[in-house]
C-alpha cells in the first residue's frame, strides 16, 4: 500500500532513503550529518481513508500542518472518533483538508498519531484553532461539537507537537 505522500512509488521513496543514509555512489553521507538534527523512524498505519492514492487538486493547499499527538493506546478508538467526527467537521467548513492520518504500527506505552492537513494560509490554520468567529462559516451545531470533542480529545492527549510549512506541489 502506497502511503508516502509525494513519492511516486515505494522504490523511489526507498532509494531516497538509501541516498540519505549513505548507500550507493550518489549518496552524500558527510553532507547529511550537517543537515539532520534528530531522526526517528516509526512505522505507521493509515486510517480514516487517508491518504488517497492521488491527492485531488481540490484538496491541495498552500500551507500544511504536520501534527503529532502522543496518547495512551487504550484511548485510540475514542481519540480517532473525536477527531474525525467531532473536530474535523468544523475545520472542514473553514477549508481544512486532511491529506494523511496515521497511527503507530508498533504498540508501546505511548501511541503516536500523525496528521497532515492543508490550509489556505497560515491565517486559515490559525483560524481553525478557534472557529467561533462570526465570519468563520461554522454552524452553531458544528461549533458546539468542535468544542466538546476538542476538550475531550485534549484530555486524552499526553503530548502534542505541530509544524506548519509551505506546500511545494509539482506542476
N, C-alpha and C. Protein backbone atom coordinates (compact mmCIF):
# COMPACT_ATOMS: atom_id res chain seq x y z
N UNK A 1 0.84 -1.18 0.00
CA UNK A 1 0.00 0.00 0.00
C UNK A 1 0.89 1.24 0.00
N UNK A 2 0.59 2.16 -0.91
CA UNK A 2 1.38 3.38 -1.04
C UNK A 2 0.89 4.41 -0.03
N UNK A 3 1.73 4.79 0.92
CA UNK A 3 1.32 5.78 1.92
C UNK A 3 2.35 6.89 2.07
N UNK A 4 3.23 7.05 1.13
CA UNK A 4 4.25 8.08 1.23
C UNK A 4 3.85 9.26 0.36
N UNK A 5 3.26 10.27 0.97
CA UNK A 5 2.71 11.40 0.25
C UNK A 5 3.82 12.09 -0.52
N UNK A 6 3.59 12.27 -1.82
CA UNK A 6 4.54 12.98 -2.65
C UNK A 6 5.61 12.10 -3.28
N UNK A 7 5.71 10.85 -2.91
CA UNK A 7 6.68 9.94 -3.53
C UNK A 7 5.99 9.16 -4.64
N UNK A 8 6.59 9.11 -5.83
CA UNK A 8 5.94 8.42 -6.94
C UNK A 8 5.72 6.93 -6.70
N UNK A 9 6.63 6.30 -5.98
CA UNK A 9 6.48 4.86 -5.76
C UNK A 9 7.29 4.47 -4.52
N UNK A 10 7.03 3.26 -4.06
CA UNK A 10 7.80 2.71 -2.94
C UNK A 10 9.28 2.66 -3.30
N UNK A 11 9.61 2.22 -4.51
CA UNK A 11 11.01 2.12 -4.92
C UNK A 11 11.70 3.48 -4.90
N UNK A 12 11.01 4.52 -5.38
CA UNK A 12 11.59 5.86 -5.36
C UNK A 12 11.81 6.34 -3.94
N UNK A 13 10.83 6.11 -3.07
CA UNK A 13 10.96 6.51 -1.67
C UNK A 13 12.13 5.78 -1.03
N UNK A 14 12.20 4.48 -1.26
CA UNK A 14 13.27 3.66 -0.67
C UNK A 14 14.64 4.13 -1.16
N UNK A 15 14.75 4.43 -2.45
CA UNK A 15 16.03 4.90 -2.99
C UNK A 15 16.41 6.23 -2.35
N UNK A 16 15.45 7.11 -2.14
CA UNK A 16 15.72 8.37 -1.46
C UNK A 16 16.26 8.15 -0.06
N UNK A 17 15.71 7.16 0.64
CA UNK A 17 16.19 6.85 1.98
C UNK A 17 17.62 6.32 1.93
N UNK A 18 17.92 5.50 0.95
CA UNK A 18 19.29 4.97 0.81
C UNK A 18 20.28 6.11 0.56
N UNK A 19 19.89 7.06 -0.29
CA UNK A 19 20.77 8.20 -0.56
C UNK A 19 21.02 8.99 0.73
N UNK A 20 19.96 9.21 1.50
CA UNK A 20 20.10 9.98 2.74
C UNK A 20 21.01 9.31 3.76
N UNK A 21 20.98 7.98 3.83
CA UNK A 21 21.81 7.31 4.83
C UNK A 21 23.18 6.93 4.29
N UNK A 22 23.43 7.20 3.02
CA UNK A 22 24.78 6.99 2.51
C UNK A 22 25.02 5.68 1.80
N UNK A 23 23.99 5.10 1.21
CA UNK A 23 24.15 3.85 0.47
C UNK A 23 24.16 4.18 -1.02
N UNK A 24 25.15 3.71 -1.74
CA UNK A 24 25.23 3.93 -3.18
C UNK A 24 26.21 5.02 -3.54
N UNK A 25 26.59 5.07 -4.82
CA UNK A 25 27.60 6.01 -5.28
C UNK A 25 27.10 7.45 -5.30
N UNK A 26 25.76 7.65 -5.31
CA UNK A 26 25.23 9.01 -5.34
C UNK A 26 24.87 9.52 -3.95
N UNK A 27 25.27 8.80 -2.94
CA UNK A 27 24.95 9.18 -1.56
C UNK A 27 25.84 10.32 -1.09
N UNK A 28 25.36 11.05 -0.12
CA UNK A 28 26.14 12.15 0.43
C UNK A 28 26.11 12.09 1.95
N UNK A 29 26.67 11.02 2.47
CA UNK A 29 26.66 10.75 3.91
C UNK A 29 27.25 11.91 4.72
N UNK A 30 28.38 12.46 4.29
CA UNK A 30 29.00 13.52 5.09
C UNK A 30 28.15 14.78 5.11
N UNK A 31 27.53 15.13 3.99
CA UNK A 31 26.66 16.32 3.96
C UNK A 31 25.41 16.08 4.80
N UNK A 32 24.93 14.86 4.84
CA UNK A 32 23.72 14.52 5.60
C UNK A 32 23.91 14.84 7.08
N UNK A 33 25.06 14.55 7.61
CA UNK A 33 25.31 14.80 9.03
C UNK A 33 25.11 16.27 9.40
N UNK A 34 25.39 17.16 8.46
CA UNK A 34 25.22 18.59 8.71
C UNK A 34 23.76 19.03 8.61
N UNK A 35 22.92 18.24 7.94
CA UNK A 35 21.53 18.62 7.72
C UNK A 35 20.57 18.06 8.77
N UNK A 36 20.83 16.88 9.28
CA UNK A 36 19.90 16.19 10.18
C UNK A 36 20.23 16.52 11.63
N UNK A 37 19.26 17.05 12.35
CA UNK A 37 19.43 17.36 13.77
C UNK A 37 18.99 16.17 14.61
N UNK A 38 17.83 15.61 14.27
CA UNK A 38 17.26 14.50 15.02
C UNK A 38 16.48 13.63 14.04
N UNK A 39 16.56 12.33 14.19
CA UNK A 39 15.90 11.44 13.25
C UNK A 39 15.31 10.25 13.99
N UNK A 40 14.06 9.93 13.68
CA UNK A 40 13.42 8.73 14.20
C UNK A 40 12.66 8.07 13.07
N UNK A 41 12.43 6.80 13.19
CA UNK A 41 11.63 6.06 12.21
C UNK A 41 10.55 5.30 12.97
N UNK A 42 9.30 5.56 12.63
CA UNK A 42 8.16 4.92 13.29
C UNK A 42 7.24 4.38 12.21
N UNK A 43 7.17 3.07 12.04
CA UNK A 43 6.23 2.51 11.05
C UNK A 43 4.80 2.94 11.39
N UNK A 44 4.06 3.37 10.37
CA UNK A 44 2.72 3.92 10.57
C UNK A 44 1.68 3.15 9.76
N UNK A 45 0.44 3.21 10.25
CA UNK A 45 -0.70 2.61 9.57
C UNK A 45 -1.67 3.75 9.26
N UNK A 46 -2.15 3.87 8.00
CA UNK A 46 -3.11 4.93 7.69
C UNK A 46 -4.49 4.61 8.25
N UNK A 47 -5.26 5.65 8.54
CA UNK A 47 -6.65 5.46 8.97
C UNK A 47 -7.50 6.59 8.41
N UNK A 48 -8.80 6.47 8.54
CA UNK A 48 -9.79 7.45 8.06
C UNK A 48 -9.77 7.60 6.55
N UNK A 49 -9.35 6.55 5.85
CA UNK A 49 -9.37 6.61 4.40
C UNK A 49 -8.34 7.55 3.79
N UNK A 50 -7.41 8.01 4.56
CA UNK A 50 -6.37 8.90 4.04
C UNK A 50 -5.01 8.33 4.39
N UNK A 51 -4.04 8.44 3.52
CA UNK A 51 -4.05 9.24 2.31
C UNK A 51 -4.75 8.53 1.16
N UNK A 52 -5.21 9.32 0.22
CA UNK A 52 -5.73 8.78 -1.03
C UNK A 52 -4.54 8.42 -1.91
N UNK A 53 -4.77 7.57 -2.90
CA UNK A 53 -3.67 7.19 -3.81
C UNK A 53 -3.13 8.42 -4.53
N UNK A 54 -4.02 9.34 -4.90
CA UNK A 54 -3.63 10.59 -5.55
C UNK A 54 -4.38 11.72 -4.85
N UNK A 55 -3.69 12.78 -4.50
CA UNK A 55 -4.34 13.92 -3.86
C UNK A 55 -5.08 14.73 -4.92
N UNK A 56 -6.41 14.87 -4.79
CA UNK A 56 -7.15 15.66 -5.78
C UNK A 56 -6.71 17.12 -5.74
N UNK A 57 -6.75 17.78 -6.89
CA UNK A 57 -6.38 19.20 -6.94
C UNK A 57 -7.21 20.01 -5.95
N UNK A 58 -8.48 19.62 -5.75
CA UNK A 58 -9.36 20.36 -4.84
C UNK A 58 -8.91 20.27 -3.38
N UNK A 59 -8.08 19.29 -3.04
CA UNK A 59 -7.58 19.14 -1.67
C UNK A 59 -6.21 19.79 -1.47
N UNK A 60 -5.59 20.28 -2.52
CA UNK A 60 -4.28 20.91 -2.39
C UNK A 60 -4.41 22.28 -1.73
N UNK A 61 -3.48 22.58 -0.86
CA UNK A 61 -3.50 23.85 -0.14
C UNK A 61 -2.10 24.47 -0.16
N UNK A 62 -2.04 25.75 0.18
CA UNK A 62 -0.77 26.49 0.17
C UNK A 62 0.08 26.21 1.40
N UNK A 63 -0.57 25.82 2.50
CA UNK A 63 0.12 25.62 3.78
C UNK A 63 -0.33 24.29 4.37
N UNK A 64 0.60 23.59 5.02
CA UNK A 64 0.28 22.32 5.66
C UNK A 64 0.72 22.33 7.11
N UNK A 65 -0.07 21.66 7.91
CA UNK A 65 0.28 21.46 9.31
C UNK A 65 0.54 19.98 9.54
N UNK A 66 1.69 19.67 10.06
CA UNK A 66 2.03 18.30 10.44
C UNK A 66 1.92 18.24 11.95
N UNK A 67 0.93 17.52 12.44
CA UNK A 67 0.70 17.45 13.89
C UNK A 67 0.87 16.03 14.37
N UNK A 68 1.50 15.92 15.53
CA UNK A 68 1.65 14.61 16.20
C UNK A 68 1.06 14.72 17.59
N UNK A 69 0.36 13.67 17.97
CA UNK A 69 -0.16 13.54 19.33
C UNK A 69 0.41 12.27 19.92
N UNK A 70 0.69 12.29 21.19
CA UNK A 70 1.04 11.07 21.93
C UNK A 70 -0.14 10.78 22.85
N UNK A 71 -0.66 9.54 22.74
CA UNK A 71 -1.82 9.15 23.55
C UNK A 71 -1.59 7.76 24.14
N UNK A 72 -2.45 7.37 25.05
CA UNK A 72 -2.47 6.01 25.58
C UNK A 72 -3.12 5.13 24.51
N UNK A 73 -2.50 4.02 24.11
CA UNK A 73 -3.09 3.16 23.08
C UNK A 73 -4.52 2.71 23.40
N UNK A 74 -4.85 2.60 24.68
CA UNK A 74 -6.21 2.19 25.06
C UNK A 74 -7.26 3.23 24.69
N UNK A 75 -6.85 4.47 24.43
CA UNK A 75 -7.80 5.53 24.10
C UNK A 75 -7.88 5.78 22.59
N UNK A 76 -7.16 4.99 21.80
CA UNK A 76 -7.06 5.21 20.36
C UNK A 76 -8.42 5.33 19.67
N UNK A 77 -9.31 4.39 19.88
CA UNK A 77 -10.59 4.41 19.16
C UNK A 77 -11.39 5.67 19.48
N UNK A 78 -11.43 6.06 20.74
CA UNK A 78 -12.16 7.27 21.12
C UNK A 78 -11.49 8.51 20.54
N UNK A 79 -10.17 8.56 20.62
CA UNK A 79 -9.41 9.69 20.06
C UNK A 79 -9.71 9.84 18.57
N UNK A 80 -9.66 8.74 17.83
CA UNK A 80 -9.91 8.77 16.38
C UNK A 80 -11.33 9.23 16.08
N UNK A 81 -12.31 8.73 16.84
CA UNK A 81 -13.71 9.12 16.63
C UNK A 81 -13.90 10.62 16.89
N UNK A 82 -13.37 11.11 18.00
CA UNK A 82 -13.49 12.54 18.32
C UNK A 82 -12.86 13.41 17.24
N UNK A 83 -11.74 12.97 16.72
CA UNK A 83 -11.04 13.72 15.69
C UNK A 83 -11.86 13.78 14.41
N UNK A 84 -12.22 12.61 13.88
CA UNK A 84 -12.88 12.55 12.58
C UNK A 84 -14.30 13.10 12.59
N UNK A 85 -15.05 12.80 13.63
CA UNK A 85 -16.47 13.16 13.63
C UNK A 85 -16.82 14.34 14.54
N UNK A 86 -15.86 14.81 15.34
CA UNK A 86 -16.13 15.93 16.24
C UNK A 86 -15.35 17.18 15.91
N UNK A 87 -14.05 17.04 15.66
CA UNK A 87 -13.19 18.20 15.43
C UNK A 87 -13.15 18.58 13.96
N UNK A 88 -12.95 17.62 13.07
CA UNK A 88 -12.77 17.94 11.66
C UNK A 88 -13.95 18.61 10.98
N UNK A 89 -15.20 18.26 11.26
CA UNK A 89 -16.29 18.89 10.51
C UNK A 89 -16.27 20.42 10.56
N UNK A 90 -16.02 21.01 11.71
CA UNK A 90 -15.94 22.47 11.81
C UNK A 90 -14.74 22.99 11.03
N UNK A 91 -13.62 22.31 11.15
CA UNK A 91 -12.41 22.74 10.44
C UNK A 91 -12.59 22.60 8.93
N UNK A 92 -13.25 21.52 8.50
CA UNK A 92 -13.52 21.33 7.07
C UNK A 92 -14.39 22.46 6.52
N UNK A 93 -15.35 22.92 7.33
CA UNK A 93 -16.22 24.03 6.91
C UNK A 93 -15.42 25.30 6.67
N UNK A 94 -14.22 25.37 7.23
CA UNK A 94 -13.35 26.54 7.07
C UNK A 94 -12.26 26.32 6.02
N UNK A 95 -12.33 25.21 5.27
CA UNK A 95 -11.37 24.96 4.20
C UNK A 95 -10.25 23.99 4.52
N UNK A 96 -10.22 23.44 5.71
CA UNK A 96 -9.23 22.45 6.15
C UNK A 96 -9.40 21.17 5.32
N UNK A 97 -8.30 20.57 4.87
CA UNK A 97 -8.35 19.31 4.14
C UNK A 97 -7.29 18.37 4.68
N UNK A 98 -7.71 17.16 5.03
CA UNK A 98 -6.79 16.16 5.56
C UNK A 98 -6.17 15.39 4.40
N UNK A 99 -4.84 15.36 4.36
CA UNK A 99 -4.14 14.57 3.36
C UNK A 99 -3.75 13.21 3.89
N UNK A 100 -3.37 13.13 5.15
CA UNK A 100 -2.94 11.85 5.70
C UNK A 100 -3.14 11.77 7.19
N UNK A 101 -3.52 10.59 7.64
CA UNK A 101 -3.68 10.28 9.07
C UNK A 101 -3.05 8.94 9.33
N UNK A 102 -2.28 8.85 10.38
CA UNK A 102 -1.55 7.62 10.65
C UNK A 102 -1.45 7.38 12.15
N UNK A 103 -1.31 6.12 12.52
CA UNK A 103 -1.01 5.78 13.91
C UNK A 103 0.09 4.73 13.91
N UNK A 104 0.76 4.60 15.06
CA UNK A 104 1.89 3.68 15.16
C UNK A 104 1.50 2.25 14.84
N UNK A 105 2.34 1.58 14.06
CA UNK A 105 2.12 0.16 13.75
C UNK A 105 2.58 -0.72 14.90
N UNK A 106 3.52 -0.22 15.68
CA UNK A 106 4.06 -0.98 16.81
C UNK A 106 3.50 -0.37 18.09
N UNK A 107 2.85 -1.18 18.90
CA UNK A 107 2.26 -0.67 20.13
C UNK A 107 3.28 -0.65 21.26
N UNK A 108 3.22 0.41 22.05
CA UNK A 108 4.05 0.55 23.24
C UNK A 108 3.20 1.30 24.27
N UNK A 109 3.82 1.79 25.32
CA UNK A 109 3.08 2.54 26.33
C UNK A 109 2.51 3.84 25.78
N UNK A 110 3.16 4.40 24.78
CA UNK A 110 2.69 5.61 24.10
C UNK A 110 2.38 5.28 22.65
N UNK A 111 1.30 5.83 22.13
CA UNK A 111 0.98 5.70 20.71
C UNK A 111 1.09 7.09 20.10
N UNK A 112 1.77 7.17 18.96
CA UNK A 112 1.85 8.44 18.26
C UNK A 112 0.85 8.44 17.11
N UNK A 113 0.04 9.49 17.06
CA UNK A 113 -0.91 9.72 15.98
C UNK A 113 -0.37 10.89 15.17
N UNK A 114 -0.35 10.75 13.85
CA UNK A 114 0.20 11.78 12.98
C UNK A 114 -0.85 12.22 11.98
N UNK A 115 -0.95 13.53 11.76
CA UNK A 115 -1.93 14.09 10.84
C UNK A 115 -1.25 15.12 9.96
N UNK A 116 -1.52 15.06 8.66
CA UNK A 116 -1.06 16.07 7.73
C UNK A 116 -2.30 16.70 7.10
N UNK A 117 -2.51 17.98 7.37
CA UNK A 117 -3.71 18.67 6.89
C UNK A 117 -3.32 19.97 6.20
N UNK A 118 -4.12 20.34 5.20
CA UNK A 118 -3.85 21.54 4.42
C UNK A 118 -4.76 22.70 4.79
N UNK A 119 -4.22 23.91 4.60
CA UNK A 119 -4.93 25.15 4.91
C UNK A 119 -4.62 26.16 3.80
N UNK A 120 -5.51 27.13 3.61
CA UNK A 120 -5.30 28.13 2.56
C UNK A 120 -4.14 29.08 2.88
N UNK A 121 -3.87 29.28 4.17
CA UNK A 121 -2.81 30.21 4.59
C UNK A 121 -2.49 29.93 6.06
N UNK A 122 -1.45 30.56 6.56
CA UNK A 122 -1.15 30.45 7.98
C UNK A 122 -2.30 31.04 8.79
N UNK A 123 -2.89 32.12 8.30
CA UNK A 123 -4.05 32.71 8.96
C UNK A 123 -5.23 31.75 9.02
N UNK A 124 -5.45 30.99 7.93
CA UNK A 124 -6.51 29.98 7.91
C UNK A 124 -6.21 28.88 8.92
N UNK A 125 -4.95 28.44 9.00
CA UNK A 125 -4.58 27.43 10.00
C UNK A 125 -4.90 27.96 11.40
N UNK A 126 -4.51 29.20 11.67
CA UNK A 126 -4.74 29.78 12.99
C UNK A 126 -6.24 29.90 13.28
N UNK A 127 -7.02 30.30 12.29
CA UNK A 127 -8.47 30.46 12.48
C UNK A 127 -9.14 29.13 12.82
N UNK A 128 -8.65 28.03 12.26
CA UNK A 128 -9.27 26.73 12.53
C UNK A 128 -9.00 26.24 13.95
N UNK A 129 -8.08 26.88 14.67
CA UNK A 129 -7.84 26.51 16.07
C UNK A 129 -9.03 26.91 16.93
N UNK A 130 -9.66 28.03 16.58
CA UNK A 130 -10.80 28.55 17.35
C UNK A 130 -11.85 29.07 16.38
N UNK A 131 -12.67 28.18 15.83
CA UNK A 131 -13.60 28.57 14.77
C UNK A 131 -14.86 29.29 15.23
N UNK A 132 -14.84 29.93 16.41
CA UNK A 132 -16.06 30.56 16.90
C UNK A 132 -16.28 31.98 16.36
N UNK A 133 -15.38 32.49 15.54
CA UNK A 133 -15.56 33.83 14.97
C UNK A 133 -16.85 33.86 14.14
N UNK A 134 -17.60 34.97 14.22
CA UNK A 134 -18.87 35.05 13.50
C UNK A 134 -18.75 34.83 11.99
N UNK A 135 -17.61 35.21 11.40
CA UNK A 135 -17.45 35.06 9.95
C UNK A 135 -16.76 33.75 9.56
N UNK A 136 -16.66 32.80 10.48
CA UNK A 136 -15.95 31.54 10.20
C UNK A 136 -16.70 30.62 9.25
N UNK A 137 -18.02 30.78 9.15
CA UNK A 137 -18.81 29.88 8.32
C UNK A 137 -19.17 28.58 9.01
N UNK A 138 -18.85 28.47 10.29
CA UNK A 138 -19.13 27.24 11.05
C UNK A 138 -20.48 27.40 11.74
N UNK A 139 -21.36 26.42 11.53
CA UNK A 139 -22.70 26.47 12.13
C UNK A 139 -22.60 26.32 13.65
N UNK A 140 -23.60 26.80 14.38
CA UNK A 140 -23.59 26.63 15.83
C UNK A 140 -23.50 25.16 16.26
N UNK A 141 -24.12 24.26 15.50
CA UNK A 141 -24.07 22.84 15.83
C UNK A 141 -22.66 22.28 15.68
N UNK A 142 -22.00 22.63 14.57
CA UNK A 142 -20.62 22.17 14.37
C UNK A 142 -19.68 22.79 15.39
N UNK A 143 -19.92 24.05 15.73
CA UNK A 143 -19.07 24.71 16.72
C UNK A 143 -19.18 24.03 18.07
N UNK A 144 -20.40 23.69 18.49
CA UNK A 144 -20.60 23.00 19.77
C UNK A 144 -19.91 21.64 19.75
N UNK A 145 -20.08 20.90 18.65
CA UNK A 145 -19.43 19.60 18.51
C UNK A 145 -17.91 19.74 18.55
N UNK A 146 -17.38 20.74 17.86
CA UNK A 146 -15.94 21.01 17.86
C UNK A 146 -15.43 21.27 19.28
N UNK A 147 -16.12 22.13 20.00
CA UNK A 147 -15.68 22.50 21.35
C UNK A 147 -15.72 21.31 22.30
N UNK A 148 -16.82 20.56 22.30
CA UNK A 148 -16.95 19.41 23.20
C UNK A 148 -15.95 18.32 22.84
N UNK A 149 -15.84 18.01 21.55
CA UNK A 149 -14.92 16.96 21.12
C UNK A 149 -13.47 17.37 21.35
N UNK A 150 -13.18 18.65 21.09
CA UNK A 150 -11.82 19.14 21.31
C UNK A 150 -11.39 19.04 22.76
N UNK A 151 -12.29 19.39 23.68
CA UNK A 151 -11.96 19.28 25.11
C UNK A 151 -11.71 17.83 25.51
N UNK A 152 -12.59 16.93 25.04
CA UNK A 152 -12.42 15.52 25.41
C UNK A 152 -11.14 14.95 24.79
N UNK A 153 -10.89 15.30 23.53
CA UNK A 153 -9.67 14.80 22.88
C UNK A 153 -8.42 15.35 23.57
N UNK A 154 -8.45 16.60 23.97
CA UNK A 154 -7.32 17.19 24.68
C UNK A 154 -7.03 16.43 25.97
N UNK A 155 -8.09 16.01 26.66
CA UNK A 155 -7.92 15.26 27.91
C UNK A 155 -7.26 13.90 27.66
N UNK A 156 -7.38 13.36 26.45
CA UNK A 156 -6.76 12.07 26.11
C UNK A 156 -5.32 12.23 25.65
N UNK A 157 -4.89 13.46 25.42
CA UNK A 157 -3.58 13.75 24.84
C UNK A 157 -2.51 13.89 25.91
N UNK A 158 -1.42 13.14 25.74
CA UNK A 158 -0.28 13.27 26.65
C UNK A 158 0.66 14.39 26.20
N UNK A 159 0.82 14.50 24.89
CA UNK A 159 1.73 15.49 24.32
C UNK A 159 1.28 15.76 22.90
N UNK A 160 1.48 16.98 22.44
CA UNK A 160 1.19 17.30 21.04
C UNK A 160 2.26 18.24 20.51
N UNK A 161 2.46 18.19 19.21
CA UNK A 161 3.50 18.97 18.54
C UNK A 161 2.99 19.28 17.15
N UNK A 162 3.25 20.47 16.65
CA UNK A 162 2.82 20.84 15.30
C UNK A 162 3.92 21.62 14.60
N UNK A 163 3.99 21.42 13.29
CA UNK A 163 4.88 22.19 12.44
C UNK A 163 4.05 22.65 11.24
N UNK A 164 4.06 23.94 10.97
CA UNK A 164 3.33 24.50 9.83
C UNK A 164 4.36 24.82 8.75
N UNK A 165 4.04 24.44 7.51
CA UNK A 165 5.01 24.59 6.42
C UNK A 165 4.32 24.97 5.12
N UNK A 166 5.07 25.56 4.21
CA UNK A 166 4.56 25.88 2.88
C UNK A 166 4.55 24.63 2.02
N UNK A 167 3.57 24.56 1.12
CA UNK A 167 3.48 23.43 0.19
C UNK A 167 4.39 23.67 -1.01
N UNK A 168 4.83 22.59 -1.60
CA UNK A 168 5.60 22.63 -2.83
C UNK A 168 5.07 21.53 -3.74
N UNK A 169 3.95 21.83 -4.42
CA UNK A 169 3.33 20.84 -5.30
C UNK A 169 4.05 20.82 -6.64
N UNK A 170 4.26 19.62 -7.19
CA UNK A 170 4.86 19.55 -8.53
C UNK A 170 3.86 20.06 -9.56
N UNK A 171 4.34 20.73 -10.57
CA UNK A 171 3.44 21.23 -11.63
C UNK A 171 3.05 20.14 -12.58
